[in-house]
N, C-alpha and C. Protein backbone atom coordinates (compact mmCIF):
# COMPACT_ATOMS: atom_id res chain seq x y z
N UNK A 1 93.66 83.87 102.66
CA UNK A 1 93.14 83.88 101.77
C UNK A 1 94.15 85.60 101.03
N UNK A 2 94.82 85.39 100.15
CA UNK A 2 95.26 85.80 99.43
C UNK A 2 94.70 87.44 98.38
N UNK A 3 95.86 88.42 98.26
CA UNK A 3 94.89 89.20 98.24
C UNK A 3 94.69 89.77 96.18
N UNK A 4 94.58 90.99 95.29
CA UNK A 4 94.85 90.84 94.03
C UNK A 4 94.46 92.36 93.79
N UNK A 5 95.26 92.52 92.48
CA UNK A 5 94.85 94.03 92.03
C UNK A 5 94.25 93.81 91.39
N UNK A 6 92.68 93.81 91.11
CA UNK A 6 92.24 94.65 90.26
C UNK A 6 92.63 95.30 89.33
N UNK A 7 92.49 96.19 89.42
CA UNK A 7 93.34 97.53 88.29
C UNK A 7 94.84 98.30 88.92
N UNK A 8 95.34 100.06 88.44
CA UNK A 8 95.71 100.11 88.91
C UNK A 8 96.78 101.41 87.72
N UNK A 9 96.61 103.00 88.53
CA UNK A 9 96.78 103.66 86.86
C UNK A 9 97.76 104.83 87.71
N UNK A 10 98.86 105.13 87.00
CA UNK A 10 98.85 106.28 87.66
C UNK A 10 99.49 107.23 85.96
N UNK A 11 99.53 107.98 87.14
CA UNK A 11 99.26 109.67 86.66
C UNK A 11 99.93 111.02 87.04
N UNK A 12 101.09 111.33 85.97
CA UNK A 12 102.42 112.13 86.61
C UNK A 12 102.26 113.48 85.11
N UNK A 13 103.09 114.19 85.13
CA UNK A 13 103.84 115.06 84.32
C UNK A 13 103.96 114.03 82.42
N UNK A 14 103.66 112.96 82.90
CA UNK A 14 104.50 111.94 81.13
C UNK A 14 103.30 111.75 81.01
N UNK A 15 102.30 111.45 81.54
CA UNK A 15 101.04 110.89 81.60
C UNK A 15 99.81 110.06 81.83
N UNK A 16 99.82 109.36 81.24
CA UNK A 16 98.28 109.00 82.39
C UNK A 16 98.89 106.76 81.56
N UNK A 17 98.58 106.62 82.98
CA UNK A 17 99.30 105.09 82.24
C UNK A 17 97.81 104.18 83.44
N UNK A 18 97.25 102.78 82.63
CA UNK A 18 96.14 102.15 83.03
C UNK A 18 96.99 101.14 82.99
N UNK A 19 96.99 100.41 84.29
CA UNK A 19 97.19 98.73 84.01
C UNK A 19 98.30 98.52 83.14
N UNK A 20 99.04 99.67 83.03
CA UNK A 20 100.31 99.13 82.65
C UNK A 20 100.12 99.90 80.93
N UNK A 21 99.31 99.88 80.74
CA UNK A 21 99.14 99.79 79.26
C UNK A 21 98.85 102.33 79.66
N UNK A 22 99.95 102.39 77.72
CA UNK A 22 99.17 104.28 77.70
C UNK A 22 97.81 104.65 77.63
N UNK A 23 97.59 105.90 78.56
CA UNK A 23 96.01 105.62 78.04
C UNK A 23 95.98 107.08 77.25
N UNK A 24 97.17 108.02 78.08
CA UNK A 24 97.32 108.92 77.44
C UNK A 24 98.59 110.13 77.52
N UNK A 25 99.53 110.14 76.80
CA UNK A 25 100.68 110.76 76.56
C UNK A 25 100.75 112.76 76.83
N UNK A 26 101.39 112.56 77.58
CA UNK A 26 101.66 114.20 77.69
C UNK A 26 102.74 114.51 76.87
N UNK A 27 102.67 113.76 75.53
CA UNK A 27 103.39 115.38 74.70
C UNK A 27 104.20 116.22 74.17
N UNK A 28 102.84 116.94 74.33
CA UNK A 28 103.44 118.80 74.55
C UNK A 28 104.36 119.40 76.09
N UNK A 29 104.05 118.57 76.53
CA UNK A 29 104.99 119.05 78.11
C UNK A 29 103.70 119.95 78.46
N UNK A 30 102.31 119.77 79.18
CA UNK A 30 101.62 120.26 79.09
C UNK A 30 101.79 121.15 81.05
N UNK A 31 101.67 121.74 80.61
CA UNK A 31 101.11 121.83 82.88
C UNK A 31 99.90 121.17 84.02
N UNK A 32 100.70 121.17 84.64
CA UNK A 32 99.00 119.80 84.69
C UNK A 32 97.08 120.13 84.16
N UNK A 33 97.31 121.80 84.70
CA UNK A 33 96.02 122.23 84.54
C UNK A 33 95.05 122.15 83.31
N UNK A 34 96.49 122.44 82.25
CA UNK A 34 96.18 121.84 80.61
C UNK A 34 95.93 120.63 80.55
N UNK A 35 96.71 119.90 81.11
CA UNK A 35 96.95 118.76 80.57
C UNK A 35 96.20 117.59 81.29
N UNK A 36 95.30 118.61 82.25
CA UNK A 36 94.26 117.49 83.37
C UNK A 36 92.53 118.24 82.31
N UNK A 37 92.31 119.91 82.44
CA UNK A 37 91.13 119.45 81.35
C UNK A 37 91.23 119.29 80.08
N UNK A 38 92.51 118.74 78.96
CA UNK A 38 92.82 117.13 78.23
C UNK A 38 91.29 116.34 78.52
N UNK A 39 92.27 116.08 79.39
CA UNK A 39 91.96 114.30 79.96
C UNK A 39 90.37 114.66 80.20
N UNK A 40 89.82 115.69 81.08
CA UNK A 40 88.21 115.42 81.57
C UNK A 40 88.21 115.34 80.08
N UNK A 41 88.03 116.18 79.14
CA UNK A 41 87.16 117.13 77.97
C UNK A 41 87.36 115.86 76.96
N UNK A 42 88.00 114.85 77.12
CA UNK A 42 88.37 114.45 76.56
C UNK A 42 87.84 112.85 76.04
N UNK A 43 88.02 112.46 77.84
CA UNK A 43 87.46 111.26 78.50
C UNK A 43 85.62 111.51 78.83
N UNK A 44 85.16 113.07 78.32
CA UNK A 44 83.69 113.20 78.56
C UNK A 44 84.31 112.82 80.04
N UNK A 45 83.98 112.70 81.06
CA UNK A 45 84.78 113.23 82.29
C UNK A 45 83.61 113.85 82.97
N UNK A 46 82.55 113.58 84.02
CA UNK A 46 80.74 114.44 84.42
C UNK A 46 80.85 114.50 85.79
N UNK A 47 81.29 116.24 86.57
CA UNK A 47 81.52 115.95 87.42
C UNK A 47 81.58 117.52 88.33
N UNK A 48 79.60 118.25 88.75
CA UNK A 48 80.18 119.40 89.46
C UNK A 48 80.39 119.71 89.25
N UNK A 49 81.46 119.19 90.40
CA UNK A 49 82.41 120.51 91.07
C UNK A 49 84.57 120.28 90.73
N UNK A 50 84.34 119.01 89.86
CA UNK A 50 85.47 119.54 89.16
C UNK A 50 85.85 120.62 88.81
N UNK A 51 85.43 121.62 88.63
CA UNK A 51 85.85 123.61 87.82
C UNK A 51 86.37 124.13 89.12
N UNK A 52 86.25 123.79 90.68
CA UNK A 52 86.37 123.97 91.67
C UNK A 52 87.33 124.06 92.51
N UNK A 53 87.45 122.49 92.23
CA UNK A 53 88.09 121.91 93.25
C UNK A 53 90.18 121.76 93.17
N UNK A 54 90.87 121.76 93.44
CA UNK A 54 91.76 122.51 93.86
C UNK A 54 92.53 121.34 92.79
N UNK A 55 94.21 121.48 92.86
CA UNK A 55 95.02 120.14 91.90
C UNK A 55 95.06 119.09 92.52
N UNK A 56 94.82 119.12 93.31
CA UNK A 56 94.96 118.01 94.05
C UNK A 56 94.13 117.07 94.08
N UNK A 57 92.59 117.00 94.02
CA UNK A 57 91.14 116.85 94.52
C UNK A 57 91.91 116.33 92.73
N UNK A 58 91.73 117.50 91.43
CA UNK A 58 91.20 116.79 90.46
C UNK A 58 92.14 115.72 90.31
N UNK A 59 93.97 115.55 90.76
CA UNK A 59 94.64 114.88 90.00
C UNK A 59 93.46 113.89 90.84
N UNK A 60 94.03 113.29 92.07
CA UNK A 60 93.04 111.88 92.53
C UNK A 60 92.14 112.03 91.75
N UNK A 61 90.71 112.89 91.58
CA UNK A 61 89.34 112.15 90.62
C UNK A 61 89.86 111.90 89.27
N UNK A 62 90.67 112.25 88.70
CA UNK A 62 91.43 112.20 87.81
C UNK A 62 91.32 110.39 87.35
N UNK A 63 92.63 110.38 88.31
CA UNK A 63 92.38 109.38 88.44
C UNK A 63 92.51 107.82 88.96
N UNK A 64 90.43 108.19 89.94
CA UNK A 64 89.84 107.23 90.02
C UNK A 64 89.76 106.95 89.71
N UNK A 65 88.80 107.81 88.27
CA UNK A 65 87.97 107.47 87.18
C UNK A 65 88.68 106.52 86.23
N UNK A 66 90.02 105.44 86.44
CA UNK A 66 89.95 105.73 85.63
C UNK A 66 90.51 104.27 86.15
N UNK A 67 91.22 104.18 86.96
CA UNK A 67 90.93 103.33 88.12
C UNK A 67 89.50 102.58 87.82
N UNK A 68 88.74 102.79 87.96
CA UNK A 68 87.60 102.74 88.87
C UNK A 68 87.12 102.74 87.37
N UNK A 69 87.30 102.91 86.24
CA UNK A 69 86.14 102.66 84.56
C UNK A 69 84.97 103.41 85.14
N UNK A 70 85.24 105.09 85.43
CA UNK A 70 84.32 105.54 85.62
C UNK A 70 82.51 105.03 86.37
N UNK A 71 83.59 104.46 87.81
CA UNK A 71 82.78 103.76 88.45
C UNK A 71 82.53 102.38 88.31
N UNK A 72 81.73 102.11 87.30
CA UNK A 72 82.15 100.83 86.64
C UNK A 72 81.81 99.45 87.92
N UNK A 73 83.63 99.14 88.31
CA UNK A 73 83.79 98.28 88.67
C UNK A 73 83.01 98.36 90.67
N UNK A 74 82.99 98.62 90.36
CA UNK A 74 82.27 99.13 91.87
C UNK A 74 80.91 99.95 92.05
N UNK A 75 79.86 99.15 90.24
CA UNK A 75 78.49 100.12 91.05
C UNK A 75 77.64 98.18 91.87
N UNK A 76 78.43 97.38 91.74
CA UNK A 76 77.21 96.18 92.33
C UNK A 76 78.05 96.02 93.32
N UNK A 77 78.64 96.85 94.41
CA UNK A 77 79.24 96.47 95.39
C UNK A 77 79.08 97.45 97.14
N UNK A 78 78.90 97.00 97.66
CA UNK A 78 78.34 97.37 98.72
C UNK A 78 79.24 99.26 99.20
N UNK A 79 78.73 99.77 99.31
CA UNK A 79 79.11 101.37 98.73
C UNK A 79 80.27 101.44 100.76
N UNK A 80 79.38 100.34 101.22
CA UNK A 80 80.24 100.49 103.40
C UNK A 80 81.37 99.57 102.94
N UNK A 81 81.48 98.80 102.54
CA UNK A 81 82.42 97.68 102.05
C UNK A 81 84.03 97.85 101.66
N UNK A 82 84.11 99.20 100.75
CA UNK A 82 85.19 99.65 99.92
C UNK A 82 85.04 100.85 101.16
N UNK A 83 86.84 100.54 100.88
CA UNK A 83 87.49 101.33 101.91
C UNK A 83 88.54 102.46 100.70
N UNK A 84 89.23 103.57 101.60
CA UNK A 84 89.74 104.20 100.88
C UNK A 84 91.58 104.24 102.06
N UNK A 85 92.26 104.58 101.45
CA UNK A 85 93.65 104.76 102.12
C UNK A 85 94.71 105.04 100.93
N UNK A 86 94.57 106.35 101.31
CA UNK A 86 96.24 107.16 100.76
C UNK A 86 97.19 107.14 101.60
N UNK A 87 98.31 107.89 100.58
CA UNK A 87 99.72 108.59 100.70
C UNK A 87 100.17 109.48 100.07
N UNK A 88 100.47 110.89 100.84
CA UNK A 88 100.70 111.70 100.14
C UNK A 88 101.93 113.00 101.59
N UNK A 89 102.50 113.24 100.85
CA UNK A 89 104.09 114.37 101.57
C UNK A 89 103.43 115.16 101.83
N UNK A 90 103.50 116.18 100.27
CA UNK A 90 103.06 118.01 100.20
C UNK A 90 102.19 117.96 100.82
N UNK A 91 100.95 117.32 101.80
CA UNK A 91 99.66 117.54 102.39
C UNK A 91 98.85 118.37 100.77
N UNK A 92 97.85 119.54 101.26
CA UNK A 92 97.75 120.49 100.28
C UNK A 92 98.46 121.87 100.51
N UNK A 93 99.47 121.75 100.05
CA UNK A 93 100.35 123.02 99.74
C UNK A 93 99.69 123.71 98.76
N UNK A 94 99.24 123.31 98.09
CA UNK A 94 99.73 124.49 96.75
C UNK A 94 98.08 125.30 97.66
N UNK A 95 97.40 124.94 98.18
CA UNK A 95 96.33 125.54 98.78
C UNK A 95 96.44 126.31 100.45
N UNK A 96 97.02 126.02 100.18
CA UNK A 96 98.24 125.95 101.60
C UNK A 96 98.13 127.42 100.96
N UNK A 97 99.23 127.66 100.35
CA UNK A 97 100.02 128.37 99.81
C UNK A 97 98.69 130.10 99.33
N UNK A 98 98.43 129.45 98.70
CA UNK A 98 96.93 130.21 97.83
C UNK A 98 96.53 131.26 99.30
N UNK A 99 96.01 130.42 99.73
CA UNK A 99 95.18 131.02 101.02
C UNK A 99 95.41 132.14 101.83
N UNK A 100 97.56 131.52 102.33
CA UNK A 100 97.80 132.50 102.73
C UNK A 100 98.70 134.08 102.41
N UNK A 101 98.29 133.97 100.74
CA UNK A 101 98.63 134.99 100.99
C UNK A 101 97.75 135.46 100.77
N UNK A 102 96.16 135.23 100.80
CA UNK A 102 95.40 136.14 100.69
C UNK A 102 94.66 136.92 102.10
N UNK A 103 95.65 135.77 102.92
CA UNK A 103 95.06 136.82 104.63
C UNK A 103 94.61 138.86 104.06
N UNK A 104 96.06 138.66 103.95
CA UNK A 104 96.18 140.46 103.87
C UNK A 104 94.64 140.70 103.21
N UNK A 105 94.01 139.57 102.56
CA UNK A 105 92.87 140.99 101.19
C UNK A 105 91.74 140.35 102.45
N UNK A 106 91.16 139.58 101.01
CA UNK A 106 89.82 138.78 102.01
C UNK A 106 90.11 137.35 101.41
N UNK A 107 90.11 136.64 102.00
CA UNK A 107 90.55 134.82 102.23
C UNK A 107 88.77 133.83 101.86
N UNK A 108 89.62 133.84 100.34
CA UNK A 108 88.69 132.86 99.82
C UNK A 108 88.02 131.36 100.45
N UNK A 109 86.35 131.35 101.08
CA UNK A 109 86.61 130.25 102.04
C UNK A 109 86.31 128.42 100.38
N UNK A 110 86.46 129.14 98.93
CA UNK A 110 86.36 128.62 98.16
C UNK A 110 87.60 127.99 97.85
N UNK A 111 88.87 128.61 98.66
CA UNK A 111 90.31 127.62 98.80
C UNK A 111 90.92 127.68 100.07
N UNK A 112 89.48 128.11 101.20
CA UNK A 112 90.10 127.73 102.31
C UNK A 112 89.91 126.20 102.48
N UNK A 113 88.57 125.68 101.68
CA UNK A 113 87.73 124.01 102.25
C UNK A 113 88.44 123.48 101.46
N UNK A 114 89.10 123.27 100.54
CA UNK A 114 90.97 122.37 100.15
C UNK A 114 92.52 122.77 100.59
N UNK A 115 92.14 123.49 102.27
CA UNK A 115 93.24 123.41 102.64
C UNK A 115 93.59 122.36 103.67
N UNK A 116 93.63 120.35 102.95
CA UNK A 116 93.07 119.51 104.74
C UNK A 116 93.28 118.95 102.88
N UNK A 117 94.16 117.69 103.31
CA UNK A 117 95.15 116.68 102.42
C UNK A 117 93.71 115.95 102.39
N UNK A 118 92.71 115.63 102.89
CA UNK A 118 92.22 114.22 102.89
C UNK A 118 91.13 115.16 101.94
N UNK A 119 90.46 116.27 102.03
CA UNK A 119 89.12 116.56 101.42
C UNK A 119 89.60 115.75 100.09
N UNK A 120 90.74 115.14 99.69
CA UNK A 120 90.81 114.83 97.77
C UNK A 120 89.84 113.10 97.95
N UNK A 121 89.82 112.49 99.55
CA UNK A 121 88.99 112.08 99.79
C UNK A 121 88.74 112.03 99.21
N UNK A 122 87.29 112.71 99.99
CA UNK A 122 85.54 113.41 100.27
C UNK A 122 85.35 113.41 99.06
N UNK A 123 85.89 113.22 97.93
CA UNK A 123 85.59 114.36 96.16
C UNK A 123 85.65 112.74 96.13
N UNK A 124 86.31 112.07 96.58
CA UNK A 124 86.42 110.55 95.91
C UNK A 124 85.43 109.39 96.39
N UNK A 125 84.89 109.99 97.24
CA UNK A 125 83.79 109.23 98.01
C UNK A 125 82.33 109.44 97.65
N UNK A 126 81.86 111.02 97.66
CA UNK A 126 81.25 111.54 96.64
C UNK A 126 81.31 111.13 95.88
N UNK A 127 81.64 111.11 94.84
CA UNK A 127 81.63 110.88 93.84
C UNK A 127 80.84 109.26 93.25
N UNK A 128 81.99 108.14 93.51
CA UNK A 128 81.59 106.88 93.76
C UNK A 128 80.19 106.26 94.69
N UNK A 129 79.89 107.47 95.68
CA UNK A 129 79.66 106.93 96.69
C UNK A 129 79.64 105.80 98.32
N UNK A 130 80.89 106.26 97.84
CA UNK A 130 81.64 105.08 99.74
C UNK A 130 81.70 105.20 100.32
N UNK A 131 82.00 104.75 100.85
CA UNK A 131 80.50 105.05 102.90
C UNK A 131 82.37 104.06 103.62
N UNK A 132 82.68 102.80 103.63
CA UNK A 132 83.55 102.83 104.39
C UNK A 132 84.49 103.31 104.60
N UNK A 133 85.09 103.32 105.66
CA UNK A 133 86.64 103.45 106.32
C UNK A 133 87.22 104.02 105.16
N UNK A 134 88.49 105.15 105.07
CA UNK A 134 88.88 106.26 104.32
C UNK A 134 90.21 107.28 105.43
N UNK A 135 91.65 107.04 104.55
CA UNK A 135 92.82 108.09 106.12
C UNK A 135 93.45 108.05 104.39
N UNK A 136 94.16 109.22 105.01
CA UNK A 136 94.98 109.25 104.06
C UNK A 136 95.86 110.27 105.02
N UNK A 137 97.20 109.68 105.35
CA UNK A 137 98.34 109.15 105.98
C UNK A 137 99.01 110.61 105.33
N UNK A 138 100.43 111.25 105.98
CA UNK A 138 101.24 112.03 105.53
C UNK A 138 102.21 111.17 105.59
N UNK A 139 103.78 110.47 104.44
CA UNK A 139 104.43 110.12 104.36
C UNK A 139 105.88 110.48 104.12
N UNK A 140 107.18 110.09 104.41
CA UNK A 140 108.91 111.12 103.08
C UNK A 140 108.75 111.23 102.19
N UNK A 141 107.37 109.45 101.82
CA UNK A 141 108.02 109.08 100.20
C UNK A 141 107.01 107.91 99.99
N UNK A 142 106.98 107.46 98.83
CA UNK A 142 105.93 106.99 98.76
C UNK A 142 105.47 105.16 99.59
N UNK A 143 105.11 104.74 100.74
CA UNK A 143 105.62 104.10 101.96
C UNK A 143 104.89 102.85 101.65
N UNK A 144 104.98 101.77 100.30
CA UNK A 144 104.38 100.73 100.10
C UNK A 144 103.42 99.91 101.18
N UNK A 145 104.87 99.47 102.02
CA UNK A 145 105.11 98.39 103.42
C UNK A 145 104.01 98.78 104.24
N UNK A 146 103.98 99.96 104.88
CA UNK A 146 102.79 100.03 105.52
C UNK A 146 101.20 100.54 105.42
N UNK A 147 101.19 101.13 103.76
CA UNK A 147 100.17 101.03 102.83
C UNK A 147 99.58 99.06 102.87
N UNK A 148 100.88 98.63 102.19
CA UNK A 148 100.10 96.65 102.27
C UNK A 148 99.71 96.45 103.39
N UNK A 149 100.26 96.17 104.60
CA UNK A 149 99.66 96.74 106.12
C UNK A 149 98.43 96.68 106.12
N UNK A 150 98.40 97.48 106.41
CA UNK A 150 97.04 98.42 106.13
C UNK A 150 95.96 97.85 105.68
N UNK A 151 96.11 97.36 104.62
CA UNK A 151 95.12 96.85 103.52
C UNK A 151 95.18 96.01 103.48
N UNK A 152 95.91 95.21 104.30
CA UNK A 152 96.00 94.06 103.88
C UNK A 152 94.83 93.19 105.17
N UNK A 153 95.16 94.49 106.60
CA UNK A 153 94.10 93.78 107.71
C UNK A 153 92.24 93.76 108.01
N UNK A 154 92.56 95.56 107.01
CA UNK A 154 91.48 95.19 106.84
C UNK A 154 90.69 94.67 105.32
N UNK A 155 90.89 94.14 104.57
CA UNK A 155 90.57 93.06 103.37
C UNK A 155 90.80 91.91 103.93
N UNK A 156 91.01 91.53 105.38
CA UNK A 156 91.69 90.04 106.02
C UNK A 156 90.79 90.08 106.66
N UNK A 157 90.38 91.28 107.79
CA UNK A 157 90.27 91.36 109.63
C UNK A 157 88.72 91.66 109.41
N UNK A 158 88.60 92.91 108.93
CA UNK A 158 87.37 93.80 109.14
C UNK A 158 86.65 93.68 107.60
N UNK A 159 86.17 92.64 107.30
CA UNK A 159 85.00 92.48 106.18
C UNK A 159 84.69 93.68 105.60
N UNK A 160 86.20 94.56 104.11
CA UNK A 160 86.30 94.56 103.27
C UNK A 160 85.81 94.05 102.55
N UNK A 161 85.68 94.45 100.89
CA UNK A 161 85.39 94.27 99.48
C UNK A 161 86.48 94.66 99.00
N UNK A 162 86.61 95.83 98.74
CA UNK A 162 87.38 97.41 97.71
C UNK A 162 88.52 97.76 98.76
N UNK A 163 88.97 98.26 98.51
CA UNK A 163 90.11 98.28 98.97
C UNK A 163 91.44 99.83 97.24
N UNK A 164 91.39 101.64 97.62
CA UNK A 164 91.48 101.72 96.41
C UNK A 164 93.04 102.25 97.56
N UNK A 165 94.09 102.56 96.92
CA UNK A 165 95.40 102.46 97.63
C UNK A 165 95.75 103.20 96.52
N UNK A 166 97.29 103.89 98.13
CA UNK A 166 98.47 104.91 96.62
C UNK A 166 98.73 105.98 97.07
N UNK A 167 99.71 106.23 96.41
CA UNK A 167 100.21 107.33 96.43
C UNK A 167 99.96 109.12 95.52
N UNK A 168 98.97 109.86 96.89
CA UNK A 168 99.29 111.43 95.40
C UNK A 168 99.68 112.50 96.17
N UNK A 169 99.89 112.63 95.35
CA UNK A 169 101.03 113.76 95.99
C UNK A 169 101.37 115.23 94.77
N UNK A 170 100.99 116.23 94.88
CA UNK A 170 100.83 117.57 94.56
C UNK A 170 101.56 119.28 95.03
N UNK A 171 103.23 119.09 94.44
CA UNK A 171 103.19 119.82 95.64
C UNK A 171 104.03 121.46 93.44
N UNK A 172 104.00 122.39 94.89
CA UNK A 172 104.50 123.26 93.04
C UNK A 172 105.71 122.81 92.89
N UNK A 173 105.80 122.14 92.28
CA UNK A 173 107.62 121.11 92.02
C UNK A 173 107.09 119.68 90.49
N UNK A 174 106.11 119.24 91.04
CA UNK A 174 105.65 118.07 90.89
C UNK A 174 104.59 118.06 91.52
N UNK A 175 104.15 117.01 90.71
CA UNK A 175 102.92 116.20 91.25
C UNK A 175 102.97 114.25 90.93
N UNK A 176 102.45 113.71 91.52
CA UNK A 176 102.40 112.48 91.04
C UNK A 176 100.99 112.13 91.45
N UNK A 177 100.56 110.23 90.61
CA UNK A 177 99.42 109.59 92.19
C UNK A 177 99.60 108.24 90.79
N UNK A 178 99.65 107.40 92.15
CA UNK A 178 98.99 105.81 91.77
C UNK A 178 98.59 105.49 92.95
N UNK A 179 97.02 104.78 91.98
CA UNK A 179 96.28 103.82 93.57
C UNK A 179 95.92 102.48 92.10
N UNK A 180 95.71 102.46 93.31
CA UNK A 180 95.22 100.93 92.98
C UNK A 180 94.39 100.17 93.37
N UNK A 181 93.74 99.02 92.49
CA UNK A 181 91.53 98.38 93.92
C UNK A 181 91.94 97.54 94.07
N UNK A 182 91.82 97.07 95.42
CA UNK A 182 92.49 96.49 96.22
C UNK A 182 91.49 95.01 96.44
N UNK A 183 91.77 93.61 95.72
CA UNK A 183 90.44 93.20 96.52
C UNK A 183 91.04 91.29 96.39
N UNK A 184 89.97 90.79 97.24
CA UNK A 184 90.50 89.21 97.02
C UNK A 184 90.70 88.93 95.12
N UNK A 185 91.46 87.99 95.45
CA UNK A 185 92.53 87.63 94.98
C UNK A 185 91.88 87.03 93.43
N UNK A 186 90.07 86.03 93.87
CA UNK A 186 89.51 85.94 92.60
C UNK A 186 88.16 86.41 92.16
N UNK A 187 88.67 88.12 92.30
CA UNK A 187 87.61 89.09 91.39
C UNK A 187 87.90 89.81 90.59
N UNK A 188 88.28 88.98 89.74
CA UNK A 188 89.26 89.11 88.45
C UNK A 188 90.25 89.95 88.78
N UNK A 189 90.77 89.52 88.82
CA UNK A 189 92.09 90.45 89.66
C UNK A 189 93.69 90.21 89.01
N UNK A 190 93.75 90.24 88.57
CA UNK A 190 95.23 90.99 87.22
C UNK A 190 96.45 90.76 87.92
N UNK A 191 97.13 90.67 88.27
CA UNK A 191 98.03 91.08 89.40
C UNK A 191 97.77 90.81 91.19
N UNK A 192 99.02 89.90 91.95
CA UNK A 192 99.28 89.82 93.14
C UNK A 192 99.26 91.45 94.01
N UNK A 193 98.78 90.89 94.84
CA UNK A 193 99.17 92.10 96.24
C UNK A 193 99.90 91.90 96.51
N UNK A 194 100.91 90.80 96.92
CA UNK A 194 101.85 91.04 98.12
C UNK A 194 102.31 91.44 97.53
N UNK A 195 102.92 90.92 95.81
CA UNK A 195 104.29 91.04 95.25
C UNK A 195 104.25 91.85 93.88
N UNK A 196 103.91 92.35 94.22
CA UNK A 196 104.02 93.50 92.65
C UNK A 196 102.88 94.56 93.06
N UNK A 197 102.88 95.05 94.29
CA UNK A 197 102.21 95.79 94.46
C UNK A 197 103.35 97.40 94.31
N UNK A 198 104.60 97.66 94.42
CA UNK A 198 105.66 98.78 94.76
C UNK A 198 105.92 98.16 93.42
N UNK A 199 106.26 96.81 93.03
CA UNK A 199 106.92 96.30 91.30
C UNK A 199 106.62 98.17 90.89
N UNK A 200 104.22 97.81 90.79
CA UNK A 200 103.96 98.29 89.43
C UNK A 200 103.64 99.60 89.73
N UNK A 201 104.03 100.21 90.75
CA UNK A 201 104.07 101.86 90.64
C UNK A 201 105.36 102.15 89.35
N UNK A 202 104.59 103.14 88.65
CA UNK A 202 105.79 104.40 87.27
C UNK A 202 106.29 105.19 87.78
């Protein structure tokens, strides 16, 4: 069984690219929150919890929104057959820092809830009603080999139909998201998984 890439999306300080094409360019060099809000409004994205989320979750949600075409790609797929396997380096450092600074006053439960990196997966699963296996692994950098092996095992041995995988990281210095939707090669895929997973990361 061969696996393919159904779609892929990158969101960095330079802009957003979907399947290799520029979707949004951050030509004004806006900071993340300003650029993300611009994208959220322009593309009429709707998620009731968006404005309460931390930056890491916003980055994950916006990137997955374009990756999945507002969920349309997965709307007829059994939610139990969809997995989410991500990599991350800085954990939830931004929310951790804010929470730590508030310890001398009154810590905010609204901030504390985002002091785990896998909460971004939780938001993705809620929005797209995904109920399959999900994990967020800490790694020094985007470990393509590890993620590829993990995804291949799930799709080839655990009977999953789709897997959202990639790397999402948000720190005080920089941010980047690279997401891929992986499936069997005959499911309208646009590229091969084994040879192009690393090559397609912008």
